N, C-alpha and C. Protein backbone atom coordinates (compact mmCIF):
# COMPACT_ATOMS: atom_id res chain seq x y z
N MET A 1 109.73 86.82 84.46
CA MET A 1 108.46 87.55 84.45
C MET A 1 108.27 88.24 85.79
N THR A 2 107.75 89.46 85.77
CA THR A 2 107.51 90.20 87.00
C THR A 2 106.48 89.50 87.86
N ASP A 3 106.61 89.68 89.18
CA ASP A 3 105.65 89.11 90.12
C ASP A 3 104.41 89.97 90.26
N LYS A 4 104.46 91.23 89.81
CA LYS A 4 103.32 92.12 89.96
C LYS A 4 102.33 91.96 88.81
N ILE A 5 101.05 92.07 89.14
CA ILE A 5 99.99 91.88 88.15
C ILE A 5 99.14 93.15 88.11
N ALA A 6 98.88 93.64 86.89
CA ALA A 6 98.01 94.79 86.69
C ALA A 6 96.86 94.39 85.78
N LEU A 7 95.64 94.60 86.25
CA LEU A 7 94.43 94.36 85.47
C LEU A 7 93.96 95.69 84.90
N ILE A 8 93.83 95.76 83.58
CA ILE A 8 93.36 96.97 82.92
C ILE A 8 92.05 96.66 82.21
N THR A 9 90.96 97.22 82.67
CA THR A 9 89.67 97.05 81.99
C THR A 9 89.45 98.27 81.10
N GLY A 10 89.29 97.99 79.81
CA GLY A 10 89.24 99.06 78.81
C GLY A 10 90.61 99.29 78.22
N ALA A 11 91.34 98.20 77.97
CA ALA A 11 92.75 98.30 77.56
C ALA A 11 92.95 98.37 76.06
N SER A 12 91.88 98.31 75.28
CA SER A 12 92.04 98.22 73.82
C SER A 12 92.73 99.44 73.24
N ARG A 13 92.42 100.61 73.77
CA ARG A 13 92.94 101.85 73.17
C ARG A 13 92.92 102.97 74.21
N GLY A 14 93.33 104.15 73.80
CA GLY A 14 93.25 105.32 74.66
C GLY A 14 94.06 105.21 75.93
N LEU A 15 93.52 105.76 77.01
CA LEU A 15 94.25 105.78 78.28
C LEU A 15 94.53 104.38 78.80
N GLY A 16 93.58 103.46 78.62
CA GLY A 16 93.79 102.10 79.10
C GLY A 16 95.00 101.44 78.46
N ALA A 17 95.11 101.56 77.14
CA ALA A 17 96.26 100.99 76.43
C ALA A 17 97.54 101.68 76.86
N ALA A 18 97.49 103.00 77.03
CA ALA A 18 98.68 103.74 77.45
C ALA A 18 99.14 103.32 78.84
N LEU A 19 98.19 103.11 79.75
CA LEU A 19 98.55 102.64 81.09
C LEU A 19 99.17 101.25 81.04
N ALA A 20 98.62 100.39 80.19
CA ALA A 20 99.18 99.04 80.05
C ALA A 20 100.62 99.10 79.59
N GLU A 21 100.90 99.95 78.61
CA GLU A 21 102.28 100.08 78.12
C GLU A 21 103.19 100.70 79.18
N ALA A 22 102.67 101.67 79.92
CA ALA A 22 103.49 102.32 80.94
C ALA A 22 103.83 101.38 82.09
N LEU A 23 102.95 100.43 82.36
CA LEU A 23 103.13 99.53 83.50
C LEU A 23 103.84 98.23 83.14
N CYS A 24 104.00 97.95 81.85
CA CYS A 24 104.43 96.60 81.45
C CYS A 24 105.87 96.28 81.83
N SER A 25 106.67 97.29 82.14
CA SER A 25 108.04 97.00 82.57
C SER A 25 108.10 96.50 84.00
N SER A 26 107.04 96.78 84.77
CA SER A 26 107.03 96.40 86.18
C SER A 26 105.89 95.44 86.55
N HIS A 27 104.94 95.23 85.63
CA HIS A 27 103.78 94.39 85.89
C HIS A 27 103.50 93.47 84.71
N HIS A 28 103.01 92.28 85.00
CA HIS A 28 102.37 91.48 83.96
C HIS A 28 100.98 92.07 83.76
N ILE A 29 100.62 92.35 82.51
CA ILE A 29 99.38 93.04 82.20
C ILE A 29 98.28 92.05 81.84
N VAL A 30 97.14 92.16 82.49
CA VAL A 30 95.93 91.45 82.08
C VAL A 30 95.05 92.49 81.41
N ALA A 31 94.96 92.41 80.08
CA ALA A 31 94.33 93.45 79.28
C ALA A 31 92.94 93.01 78.84
N VAL A 32 91.92 93.74 79.30
CA VAL A 32 90.53 93.42 78.99
C VAL A 32 89.98 94.46 78.03
N GLY A 33 89.36 94.00 76.95
CA GLY A 33 88.74 94.90 75.99
C GLY A 33 87.89 94.10 75.02
N ARG A 34 87.03 94.79 74.29
CA ARG A 34 86.13 94.10 73.37
C ARG A 34 86.74 93.88 71.99
N THR A 35 87.78 94.62 71.64
CA THR A 35 88.33 94.58 70.29
C THR A 35 89.58 93.72 70.26
N THR A 36 89.46 92.53 69.70
CA THR A 36 90.57 91.58 69.71
C THR A 36 91.77 92.13 68.97
N GLY A 37 91.55 92.72 67.80
CA GLY A 37 92.66 93.23 67.02
C GLY A 37 93.44 94.31 67.76
N ALA A 38 92.73 95.20 68.45
CA ALA A 38 93.40 96.26 69.21
C ALA A 38 94.19 95.67 70.37
N LEU A 39 93.66 94.64 71.02
CA LEU A 39 94.40 93.99 72.10
C LEU A 39 95.65 93.30 71.56
N GLU A 40 95.56 92.70 70.41
CA GLU A 40 96.73 92.05 69.81
C GLU A 40 97.79 93.08 69.45
N ASP A 41 97.37 94.24 68.95
CA ASP A 41 98.33 95.31 68.68
C ASP A 41 99.00 95.78 69.97
N LEU A 42 98.21 95.89 71.04
CA LEU A 42 98.77 96.25 72.34
C LEU A 42 99.78 95.22 72.80
N ASP A 43 99.45 93.96 72.63
CA ASP A 43 100.36 92.88 73.01
C ASP A 43 101.69 93.00 72.27
N ASP A 44 101.64 93.33 70.98
CA ASP A 44 102.87 93.50 70.20
C ASP A 44 103.71 94.64 70.77
N ARG A 45 103.06 95.73 71.15
CA ARG A 45 103.82 96.87 71.69
C ARG A 45 104.41 96.53 73.06
N ILE A 46 103.65 95.78 73.86
CA ILE A 46 104.16 95.37 75.17
C ILE A 46 105.36 94.44 75.01
N LYS A 47 105.26 93.49 74.10
CA LYS A 47 106.38 92.58 73.86
C LYS A 47 107.61 93.32 73.36
N ALA A 48 107.38 94.34 72.52
CA ALA A 48 108.50 95.13 72.01
C ALA A 48 109.22 95.87 73.13
N LYS A 49 108.52 96.14 74.23
CA LYS A 49 109.11 96.80 75.39
C LYS A 49 109.71 95.80 76.37
N GLY A 50 109.61 94.52 76.05
CA GLY A 50 110.15 93.49 76.93
C GLY A 50 109.18 93.00 77.99
N GLY A 51 107.89 93.42 77.87
CA GLY A 51 106.90 93.01 78.85
C GLY A 51 106.07 91.83 78.40
N GLU A 52 105.14 91.42 79.25
CA GLU A 52 104.26 90.30 78.95
C GLU A 52 102.82 90.66 79.29
N ALA A 53 101.90 90.12 78.52
CA ALA A 53 100.48 90.40 78.75
C ALA A 53 99.65 89.15 78.56
N THR A 54 98.54 89.10 79.25
CA THR A 54 97.49 88.12 79.03
C THR A 54 96.31 88.88 78.47
N LEU A 55 95.85 88.48 77.28
CA LEU A 55 94.76 89.19 76.62
C LEU A 55 93.42 88.56 76.99
N ALA A 56 92.44 89.40 77.30
CA ALA A 56 91.10 88.94 77.66
C ALA A 56 90.10 89.71 76.82
N PRO A 57 89.84 89.25 75.57
CA PRO A 57 88.86 89.94 74.72
C PRO A 57 87.44 89.66 75.19
N MET A 58 86.95 90.48 76.07
CA MET A 58 85.66 90.24 76.75
C MET A 58 84.88 91.53 76.85
N ASP A 59 83.57 91.39 77.02
CA ASP A 59 82.66 92.50 77.26
C ASP A 59 82.45 92.62 78.76
N ILE A 60 82.77 93.77 79.35
CA ILE A 60 82.68 93.89 80.81
C ILE A 60 81.24 93.85 81.30
N THR A 61 80.27 93.98 80.40
CA THR A 61 78.87 93.88 80.84
C THR A 61 78.39 92.44 80.95
N ASN A 62 79.24 91.49 80.58
CA ASN A 62 78.90 90.07 80.68
C ASN A 62 79.35 89.55 82.05
N PRO A 63 78.44 89.39 83.00
CA PRO A 63 78.86 89.02 84.36
C PRO A 63 79.52 87.65 84.43
N ASP A 64 79.07 86.69 83.63
CA ASP A 64 79.68 85.36 83.67
C ASP A 64 81.13 85.42 83.19
N ALA A 65 81.38 86.19 82.13
CA ALA A 65 82.74 86.31 81.61
C ALA A 65 83.65 87.00 82.62
N MET A 66 83.15 88.05 83.27
CA MET A 66 83.97 88.76 84.24
C MET A 66 84.24 87.91 85.48
N ALA A 67 83.24 87.16 85.91
CA ALA A 67 83.44 86.27 87.05
C ALA A 67 84.47 85.20 86.73
N GLN A 68 84.40 84.64 85.52
CA GLN A 68 85.35 83.61 85.12
C GLN A 68 86.76 84.19 85.00
N LEU A 69 86.87 85.41 84.47
CA LEU A 69 88.18 86.05 84.37
C LEU A 69 88.80 86.22 85.74
N CYS A 70 88.04 86.74 86.69
CA CYS A 70 88.58 86.97 88.02
C CYS A 70 88.93 85.66 88.71
N ARG A 71 88.13 84.62 88.46
CA ARG A 71 88.46 83.31 89.01
C ARG A 71 89.76 82.78 88.41
N SER A 72 89.95 83.00 87.11
CA SER A 72 91.17 82.55 86.44
C SER A 72 92.38 83.30 86.96
N ILE A 73 92.22 84.60 87.21
CA ILE A 73 93.32 85.38 87.78
C ILE A 73 93.69 84.83 89.16
N TYR A 74 92.67 84.54 89.96
CA TYR A 74 92.93 83.99 91.29
C TYR A 74 93.64 82.64 91.21
N ASP A 75 93.17 81.78 90.31
CA ASP A 75 93.77 80.44 90.19
C ASP A 75 95.22 80.53 89.73
N ARG A 76 95.53 81.50 88.88
CA ARG A 76 96.89 81.59 88.32
C ARG A 76 97.84 82.37 89.21
N TRP A 77 97.38 83.50 89.78
CA TRP A 77 98.27 84.38 90.53
C TRP A 77 97.85 84.59 91.98
N GLY A 78 96.60 84.36 92.30
CA GLY A 78 96.13 84.53 93.67
C GLY A 78 95.71 85.93 94.03
N GLN A 79 96.26 86.94 93.35
CA GLN A 79 95.98 88.33 93.69
C GLN A 79 96.48 89.23 92.56
N ILE A 80 96.11 90.50 92.64
CA ILE A 80 96.64 91.50 91.72
C ILE A 80 97.14 92.69 92.53
N ASP A 81 98.03 93.45 91.91
CA ASP A 81 98.62 94.60 92.58
C ASP A 81 97.97 95.91 92.16
N LEU A 82 97.33 95.92 91.00
CA LEU A 82 96.74 97.16 90.51
C LEU A 82 95.58 96.83 89.57
N TRP A 83 94.51 97.61 89.71
CA TRP A 83 93.39 97.56 88.77
C TRP A 83 93.13 98.97 88.28
N ALA A 84 93.17 99.17 86.97
CA ALA A 84 92.83 100.46 86.37
C ALA A 84 91.58 100.26 85.51
N HIS A 85 90.53 100.99 85.87
CA HIS A 85 89.25 100.84 85.17
C HIS A 85 89.04 102.04 84.25
N THR A 86 89.29 101.83 82.96
CA THR A 86 89.18 102.92 81.99
C THR A 86 88.04 102.71 80.99
N ALA A 87 87.36 101.58 81.05
CA ALA A 87 86.28 101.30 80.09
C ALA A 87 85.15 102.30 80.25
N ALA A 88 84.65 102.81 79.14
CA ALA A 88 83.56 103.78 79.18
C ALA A 88 82.80 103.76 77.87
N HIS A 89 81.51 104.07 77.94
CA HIS A 89 80.70 104.21 76.74
C HIS A 89 80.38 105.67 76.52
N ALA A 90 80.65 106.16 75.31
CA ALA A 90 80.38 107.55 74.96
C ALA A 90 79.11 107.62 74.12
N ALA A 91 77.98 107.81 74.79
CA ALA A 91 76.70 107.92 74.08
C ALA A 91 76.69 109.21 73.26
N PRO A 92 75.97 109.24 72.13
CA PRO A 92 75.89 110.47 71.34
C PRO A 92 75.35 111.62 72.16
N LEU A 93 75.89 112.82 71.91
CA LEU A 93 75.42 114.00 72.60
C LEU A 93 74.01 114.34 72.15
N SER A 94 73.19 114.79 73.12
CA SER A 94 71.82 115.18 72.80
C SER A 94 71.24 115.95 73.97
N PRO A 95 70.18 116.76 73.73
CA PRO A 95 69.48 117.36 74.86
C PRO A 95 68.90 116.27 75.76
N ALA A 96 68.79 116.58 77.03
CA ALA A 96 68.30 115.58 77.99
C ALA A 96 66.91 115.07 77.63
N ASP A 97 66.09 115.93 77.03
CA ASP A 97 64.73 115.49 76.70
C ASP A 97 64.64 114.82 75.33
N HIS A 98 65.80 114.60 74.68
CA HIS A 98 65.81 113.89 73.40
C HIS A 98 66.81 112.74 73.40
N MET A 99 67.18 112.25 74.57
CA MET A 99 68.17 111.17 74.62
C MET A 99 67.63 109.91 73.98
N ASP A 100 68.49 109.24 73.22
CA ASP A 100 68.16 107.93 72.70
C ASP A 100 68.24 106.92 73.85
N MET A 101 67.15 106.22 74.10
CA MET A 101 67.11 105.32 75.25
C MET A 101 68.05 104.13 75.11
N GLY A 102 68.34 103.75 73.87
CA GLY A 102 69.32 102.69 73.68
C GLY A 102 70.70 103.14 74.16
N GLY A 103 71.06 104.37 73.81
CA GLY A 103 72.34 104.92 74.26
C GLY A 103 72.38 105.11 75.76
N TRP A 104 71.25 105.53 76.34
CA TRP A 104 71.16 105.68 77.79
C TRP A 104 71.37 104.35 78.49
N GLU A 105 70.67 103.32 78.03
CA GLU A 105 70.76 102.01 78.67
C GLU A 105 72.16 101.42 78.53
N LYS A 106 72.80 101.64 77.38
CA LYS A 106 74.16 101.14 77.21
C LYS A 106 75.13 101.89 78.12
N SER A 107 74.90 103.20 78.28
CA SER A 107 75.74 104.00 79.19
C SER A 107 75.61 103.50 80.62
N VAL A 108 74.38 103.23 81.06
CA VAL A 108 74.16 102.71 82.40
C VAL A 108 74.83 101.35 82.56
N ALA A 109 74.69 100.50 81.54
CA ALA A 109 75.24 99.14 81.63
C ALA A 109 76.76 99.14 81.73
N ILE A 110 77.42 99.96 80.90
CA ILE A 110 78.88 99.95 80.85
C ILE A 110 79.49 100.84 81.92
N ASN A 111 79.02 102.07 82.01
CA ASN A 111 79.68 103.04 82.88
C ASN A 111 79.34 102.86 84.35
N LEU A 112 78.17 102.28 84.64
CA LEU A 112 77.74 102.19 86.03
C LEU A 112 77.55 100.75 86.51
N THR A 113 76.63 100.01 85.88
CA THR A 113 76.33 98.66 86.37
C THR A 113 77.56 97.76 86.32
N ALA A 114 78.28 97.77 85.21
CA ALA A 114 79.46 96.92 85.10
C ALA A 114 80.52 97.31 86.13
N THR A 115 80.65 98.61 86.39
CA THR A 115 81.62 99.06 87.39
C THR A 115 81.26 98.53 88.77
N GLY A 116 79.99 98.64 89.14
CA GLY A 116 79.56 98.13 90.43
C GLY A 116 79.81 96.64 90.57
N ARG A 117 79.52 95.92 89.50
CA ARG A 117 79.74 94.47 89.53
C ARG A 117 81.23 94.15 89.61
N LEU A 118 82.05 94.87 88.85
CA LEU A 118 83.48 94.60 88.83
C LEU A 118 84.14 94.88 90.18
N ILE A 119 83.68 95.92 90.86
CA ILE A 119 84.24 96.19 92.19
C ILE A 119 84.05 94.97 93.09
N GLY A 120 82.88 94.35 93.02
CA GLY A 120 82.64 93.15 93.81
C GLY A 120 83.49 91.98 93.38
N PHE A 121 83.70 91.83 92.07
CA PHE A 121 84.49 90.71 91.56
C PHE A 121 85.99 90.89 91.82
N VAL A 122 86.47 92.13 91.64
CA VAL A 122 87.91 92.38 91.71
C VAL A 122 88.40 92.57 93.14
N SER A 123 87.55 93.10 94.00
CA SER A 123 87.96 93.40 95.37
C SER A 123 88.66 92.24 96.08
N PRO A 124 88.18 90.98 95.98
CA PRO A 124 88.87 89.90 96.67
C PRO A 124 90.28 89.63 96.14
N LEU A 125 90.60 90.13 94.95
CA LEU A 125 91.92 89.92 94.37
C LEU A 125 92.93 90.96 94.84
N LEU A 126 92.45 92.05 95.43
CA LEU A 126 93.30 93.17 95.80
C LEU A 126 93.81 93.02 97.23
N LYS A 127 95.11 93.27 97.39
CA LYS A 127 95.71 93.25 98.72
C LYS A 127 95.50 94.59 99.41
N LYS A 128 95.90 94.67 100.68
CA LYS A 128 95.74 95.92 101.42
C LYS A 128 96.47 97.07 100.75
N ASP A 129 97.66 96.77 100.19
CA ASP A 129 98.46 97.82 99.57
C ASP A 129 98.32 97.85 98.05
N SER A 130 97.34 97.12 97.51
CA SER A 130 97.06 97.19 96.08
C SER A 130 96.37 98.51 95.75
N HIS A 131 96.37 98.85 94.47
CA HIS A 131 95.79 100.11 94.00
C HIS A 131 94.65 99.84 93.03
N ALA A 132 93.57 100.61 93.18
CA ALA A 132 92.46 100.60 92.22
C ALA A 132 92.31 102.03 91.70
N LEU A 133 92.34 102.19 90.38
CA LEU A 133 92.34 103.51 89.76
C LEU A 133 91.06 103.75 88.97
N PHE A 134 90.42 104.89 89.24
CA PHE A 134 89.26 105.34 88.49
C PHE A 134 89.55 106.74 87.95
N PHE A 135 88.85 107.11 86.88
CA PHE A 135 89.23 108.31 86.16
C PHE A 135 88.04 109.24 85.98
N GLU A 136 88.15 110.40 86.62
CA GLU A 136 87.06 111.37 86.64
C GLU A 136 87.00 112.12 85.31
N ASP A 137 85.80 112.61 84.98
CA ASP A 137 85.59 113.41 83.78
C ASP A 137 84.75 114.62 84.15
N SER A 138 85.12 115.77 83.61
CA SER A 138 84.45 117.02 84.00
C SER A 138 83.15 117.28 83.26
N GLN A 139 82.71 116.36 82.39
CA GLN A 139 81.53 116.62 81.56
C GLN A 139 80.20 116.41 82.28
N GLY A 140 80.23 115.84 83.47
CA GLY A 140 78.99 115.64 84.21
C GLY A 140 78.27 116.95 84.46
N GLY A 141 77.00 117.02 84.10
CA GLY A 141 76.21 118.22 84.29
C GLY A 141 76.33 119.24 83.17
N GLN A 142 77.20 118.99 82.19
CA GLN A 142 77.32 119.90 81.06
C GLN A 142 76.21 119.65 80.04
N LYS A 143 75.85 120.67 79.30
CA LYS A 143 74.75 120.52 78.35
C LYS A 143 75.10 119.48 77.28
N PHE A 144 74.09 118.68 76.96
CA PHE A 144 74.15 117.63 75.94
C PHE A 144 74.91 116.37 76.38
N PHE A 145 75.46 116.38 77.58
CA PHE A 145 76.22 115.22 78.05
C PHE A 145 75.39 114.36 79.01
N GLY A 146 74.07 114.39 78.90
CA GLY A 146 73.21 113.73 79.87
C GLY A 146 73.56 112.28 80.14
N ALA A 147 73.58 111.45 79.10
CA ALA A 147 73.79 110.01 79.30
C ALA A 147 75.20 109.71 79.80
N TYR A 148 76.18 110.25 79.10
CA TYR A 148 77.57 110.00 79.52
C TYR A 148 77.86 110.66 80.86
N GLY A 149 77.51 111.94 80.98
CA GLY A 149 77.83 112.68 82.19
C GLY A 149 77.19 112.11 83.43
N ALA A 150 75.91 111.75 83.34
CA ALA A 150 75.22 111.23 84.51
C ALA A 150 75.80 109.89 84.95
N THR A 151 76.06 109.00 84.00
CA THR A 151 76.55 107.66 84.36
C THR A 151 78.01 107.69 84.78
N LYS A 152 78.81 108.56 84.16
CA LYS A 152 80.21 108.66 84.56
C LYS A 152 80.32 109.29 85.95
N THR A 153 79.50 110.31 86.22
CA THR A 153 79.49 110.93 87.54
C THR A 153 79.05 109.93 88.61
N ALA A 154 78.05 109.12 88.29
CA ALA A 154 77.61 108.10 89.24
C ALA A 154 78.69 107.06 89.47
N GLN A 155 79.41 106.70 88.42
CA GLN A 155 80.51 105.75 88.56
C GLN A 155 81.55 106.27 89.55
N ILE A 156 81.91 107.54 89.42
CA ILE A 156 82.92 108.11 90.30
C ILE A 156 82.39 108.25 91.72
N ALA A 157 81.10 108.54 91.89
CA ALA A 157 80.51 108.59 93.23
C ALA A 157 80.63 107.22 93.90
N LEU A 158 80.39 106.16 93.13
CA LEU A 158 80.53 104.80 93.66
C LEU A 158 81.98 104.54 94.06
N ALA A 159 82.92 104.93 93.22
CA ALA A 159 84.34 104.74 93.53
C ALA A 159 84.74 105.53 94.77
N ARG A 160 84.18 106.74 94.93
CA ARG A 160 84.50 107.54 96.13
C ARG A 160 83.98 106.85 97.40
N SER A 161 82.81 106.25 97.30
CA SER A 161 82.29 105.50 98.45
C SER A 161 83.21 104.36 98.81
N TRP A 162 83.66 103.63 97.79
CA TRP A 162 84.58 102.50 98.03
C TRP A 162 85.88 103.01 98.64
N ALA A 163 86.38 104.14 98.12
CA ALA A 163 87.62 104.70 98.67
C ALA A 163 87.47 105.04 100.15
N ALA A 164 86.33 105.64 100.52
CA ALA A 164 86.10 105.99 101.92
C ALA A 164 85.98 104.75 102.80
N GLU A 165 85.35 103.72 102.27
CA GLU A 165 85.14 102.48 103.03
C GLU A 165 86.42 101.71 103.27
N THR A 166 87.40 101.86 102.38
CA THR A 166 88.64 101.08 102.44
C THR A 166 89.83 101.92 102.90
N LEU A 167 89.56 103.11 103.42
CA LEU A 167 90.64 104.03 103.78
C LEU A 167 91.62 103.40 104.77
N LYS A 168 91.10 102.64 105.74
CA LYS A 168 91.96 102.04 106.76
C LYS A 168 92.34 100.60 106.44
N THR A 169 91.52 99.93 105.66
CA THR A 169 91.74 98.50 105.43
C THR A 169 92.40 98.19 104.09
N GLY A 170 92.38 99.16 103.13
CA GLY A 170 92.85 98.87 101.79
C GLY A 170 91.79 98.10 101.02
N PRO A 171 91.91 98.01 99.71
CA PRO A 171 92.99 98.54 98.88
C PRO A 171 92.97 100.06 98.80
N LYS A 172 94.00 100.64 98.17
CA LYS A 172 94.10 102.08 97.99
C LYS A 172 93.33 102.46 96.73
N VAL A 173 92.18 103.10 96.91
CA VAL A 173 91.33 103.47 95.78
C VAL A 173 91.59 104.93 95.44
N HIS A 174 91.94 105.19 94.18
CA HIS A 174 92.31 106.52 93.74
C HIS A 174 91.33 107.03 92.69
N ILE A 175 90.95 108.28 92.80
CA ILE A 175 90.15 108.96 91.78
C ILE A 175 91.07 109.97 91.10
N LEU A 176 91.40 109.73 89.85
CA LEU A 176 92.35 110.56 89.13
C LEU A 176 91.63 111.40 88.06
N THR A 177 92.18 112.56 87.77
CA THR A 177 91.59 113.45 86.77
C THR A 177 92.58 113.65 85.63
N PRO A 178 92.43 112.93 84.55
CA PRO A 178 93.34 113.12 83.42
C PRO A 178 93.12 114.47 82.75
N ALA A 179 94.16 114.99 82.14
CA ALA A 179 94.02 116.15 81.27
C ALA A 179 93.21 115.75 80.04
N PRO A 180 92.63 116.71 79.32
CA PRO A 180 91.93 116.37 78.07
C PRO A 180 92.86 115.59 77.14
N LEU A 181 92.39 114.44 76.70
CA LEU A 181 93.24 113.49 75.97
C LEU A 181 92.89 113.41 74.49
N ALA A 182 93.88 113.16 73.69
CA ALA A 182 93.68 112.95 72.26
C ALA A 182 93.27 111.50 72.03
N THR A 183 92.03 111.18 72.38
CA THR A 183 91.50 109.82 72.26
C THR A 183 90.30 109.79 71.33
N ALA A 184 89.93 108.59 70.91
CA ALA A 184 88.76 108.42 70.05
C ALA A 184 87.49 108.82 70.80
N LEU A 185 87.44 108.56 72.11
CA LEU A 185 86.25 108.92 72.89
C LEU A 185 86.04 110.42 72.86
N ARG A 186 87.11 111.19 73.09
CA ARG A 186 86.95 112.64 73.09
C ARG A 186 86.61 113.16 71.69
N ALA A 187 87.15 112.51 70.66
CA ALA A 187 86.86 112.94 69.30
C ALA A 187 85.39 112.79 68.96
N ARG A 188 84.71 111.81 69.58
CA ARG A 188 83.28 111.65 69.35
C ARG A 188 82.51 112.84 69.93
N PHE A 189 82.99 113.37 71.05
CA PHE A 189 82.33 114.49 71.69
C PHE A 189 82.68 115.84 71.04
N PHE A 190 83.94 115.98 70.62
CA PHE A 190 84.43 117.26 70.10
C PHE A 190 85.11 117.04 68.75
N PRO A 191 84.36 116.73 67.71
CA PRO A 191 84.97 116.34 66.43
C PRO A 191 85.78 117.44 65.76
N GLY A 192 85.49 118.71 66.03
CA GLY A 192 86.22 119.78 65.38
C GLY A 192 87.34 120.36 66.23
N GLU A 193 87.63 119.75 67.34
CA GLU A 193 88.62 120.27 68.27
C GLU A 193 90.04 120.17 67.72
N ASP A 194 90.88 121.11 68.08
CA ASP A 194 92.30 121.08 67.72
C ASP A 194 93.00 120.03 68.58
N ARG A 195 93.28 118.89 67.99
CA ARG A 195 93.84 117.78 68.77
C ARG A 195 95.30 118.02 69.15
N ALA A 196 95.94 118.96 68.50
CA ALA A 196 97.33 119.27 68.85
C ALA A 196 97.43 119.84 70.26
N ALA A 197 96.33 120.41 70.75
CA ALA A 197 96.34 120.99 72.09
C ALA A 197 96.05 119.96 73.18
N LEU A 198 95.73 118.73 72.79
CA LEU A 198 95.35 117.69 73.75
C LEU A 198 96.57 116.88 74.18
N ALA A 199 96.46 116.30 75.38
CA ALA A 199 97.57 115.50 75.91
C ALA A 199 97.63 114.14 75.24
N PRO A 200 98.81 113.69 74.81
CA PRO A 200 98.95 112.32 74.30
C PRO A 200 98.67 111.32 75.43
N PRO A 201 97.92 110.27 75.18
CA PRO A 201 97.62 109.30 76.25
C PRO A 201 98.86 108.74 76.93
N ALA A 202 99.93 108.49 76.18
CA ALA A 202 101.14 107.92 76.78
C ALA A 202 101.74 108.86 77.81
N ALA A 203 101.82 110.15 77.47
CA ALA A 203 102.39 111.12 78.40
C ALA A 203 101.52 111.28 79.63
N GLU A 204 100.19 111.27 79.43
CA GLU A 204 99.29 111.45 80.56
C GLU A 204 99.28 110.22 81.46
N ALA A 205 99.38 109.03 80.87
CA ALA A 205 99.48 107.81 81.67
C ALA A 205 100.71 107.85 82.56
N ALA A 206 101.83 108.27 81.99
CA ALA A 206 103.07 108.37 82.78
C ALA A 206 102.92 109.38 83.90
N ARG A 207 102.28 110.52 83.63
CA ARG A 207 102.10 111.56 84.65
C ARG A 207 101.22 111.05 85.79
N LEU A 208 100.12 110.40 85.44
CA LEU A 208 99.20 109.91 86.47
C LEU A 208 99.84 108.86 87.35
N LEU A 209 100.57 107.94 86.75
CA LEU A 209 101.24 106.89 87.53
C LEU A 209 102.33 107.49 88.40
N GLN A 210 103.04 108.48 87.89
CA GLN A 210 104.08 109.14 88.68
C GLN A 210 103.48 109.85 89.89
N SER A 211 102.27 110.40 89.71
CA SER A 211 101.63 111.10 90.83
C SER A 211 101.31 110.16 91.98
N LEU A 212 101.22 108.87 91.67
CA LEU A 212 100.94 107.86 92.69
C LEU A 212 102.21 107.09 93.10
N ASN A 213 103.34 107.50 92.53
CA ASN A 213 104.62 106.81 92.77
C ASN A 213 104.56 105.36 92.33
N LEU A 214 103.88 105.14 91.20
CA LEU A 214 103.78 103.78 90.64
C LEU A 214 104.69 103.63 89.43
């Protein structure tokens, strides 16, 4: 088994699952997601590639579960080499003055509050030369993207602050911009879009990791 550990939050599908598969030849994957069946399917694909994974079917908005997960990682491995945070909530599109408050609150909880909490929980597990990956989205400030755009933009602002604070001390915090992806999240926003023009998550995961020499 590899000595390197990669924690993927939001690993059930999309870019998170693709990153897990791309990294599994060099890292043991700790895959966090809410959908047990999707995580089990990911585990099968990782095993087919000769890799190994630890599945954590958890909700990242549950602070006790996330604290226990990070404690378990510490007890088992002591540290991690990479954290990729891809979990996101895609609230329904609406004008800013007609936002559903339930969708707004869920967006804040998942896209922002959970991220802030996870940075605090995961940071002690990261070494100076470990990597933390966050993924920017261009929809912030676009019409009808109020809930998702505002909370995703705030998430990235938080990650940029952390990156600036750790520039000399580590870990290495990266803000990456994926190409438009053929994912379920994007399909919720653009249901009539030509998906043939979108980047496959597997190819984009490989490109992003290569850009970091990972």
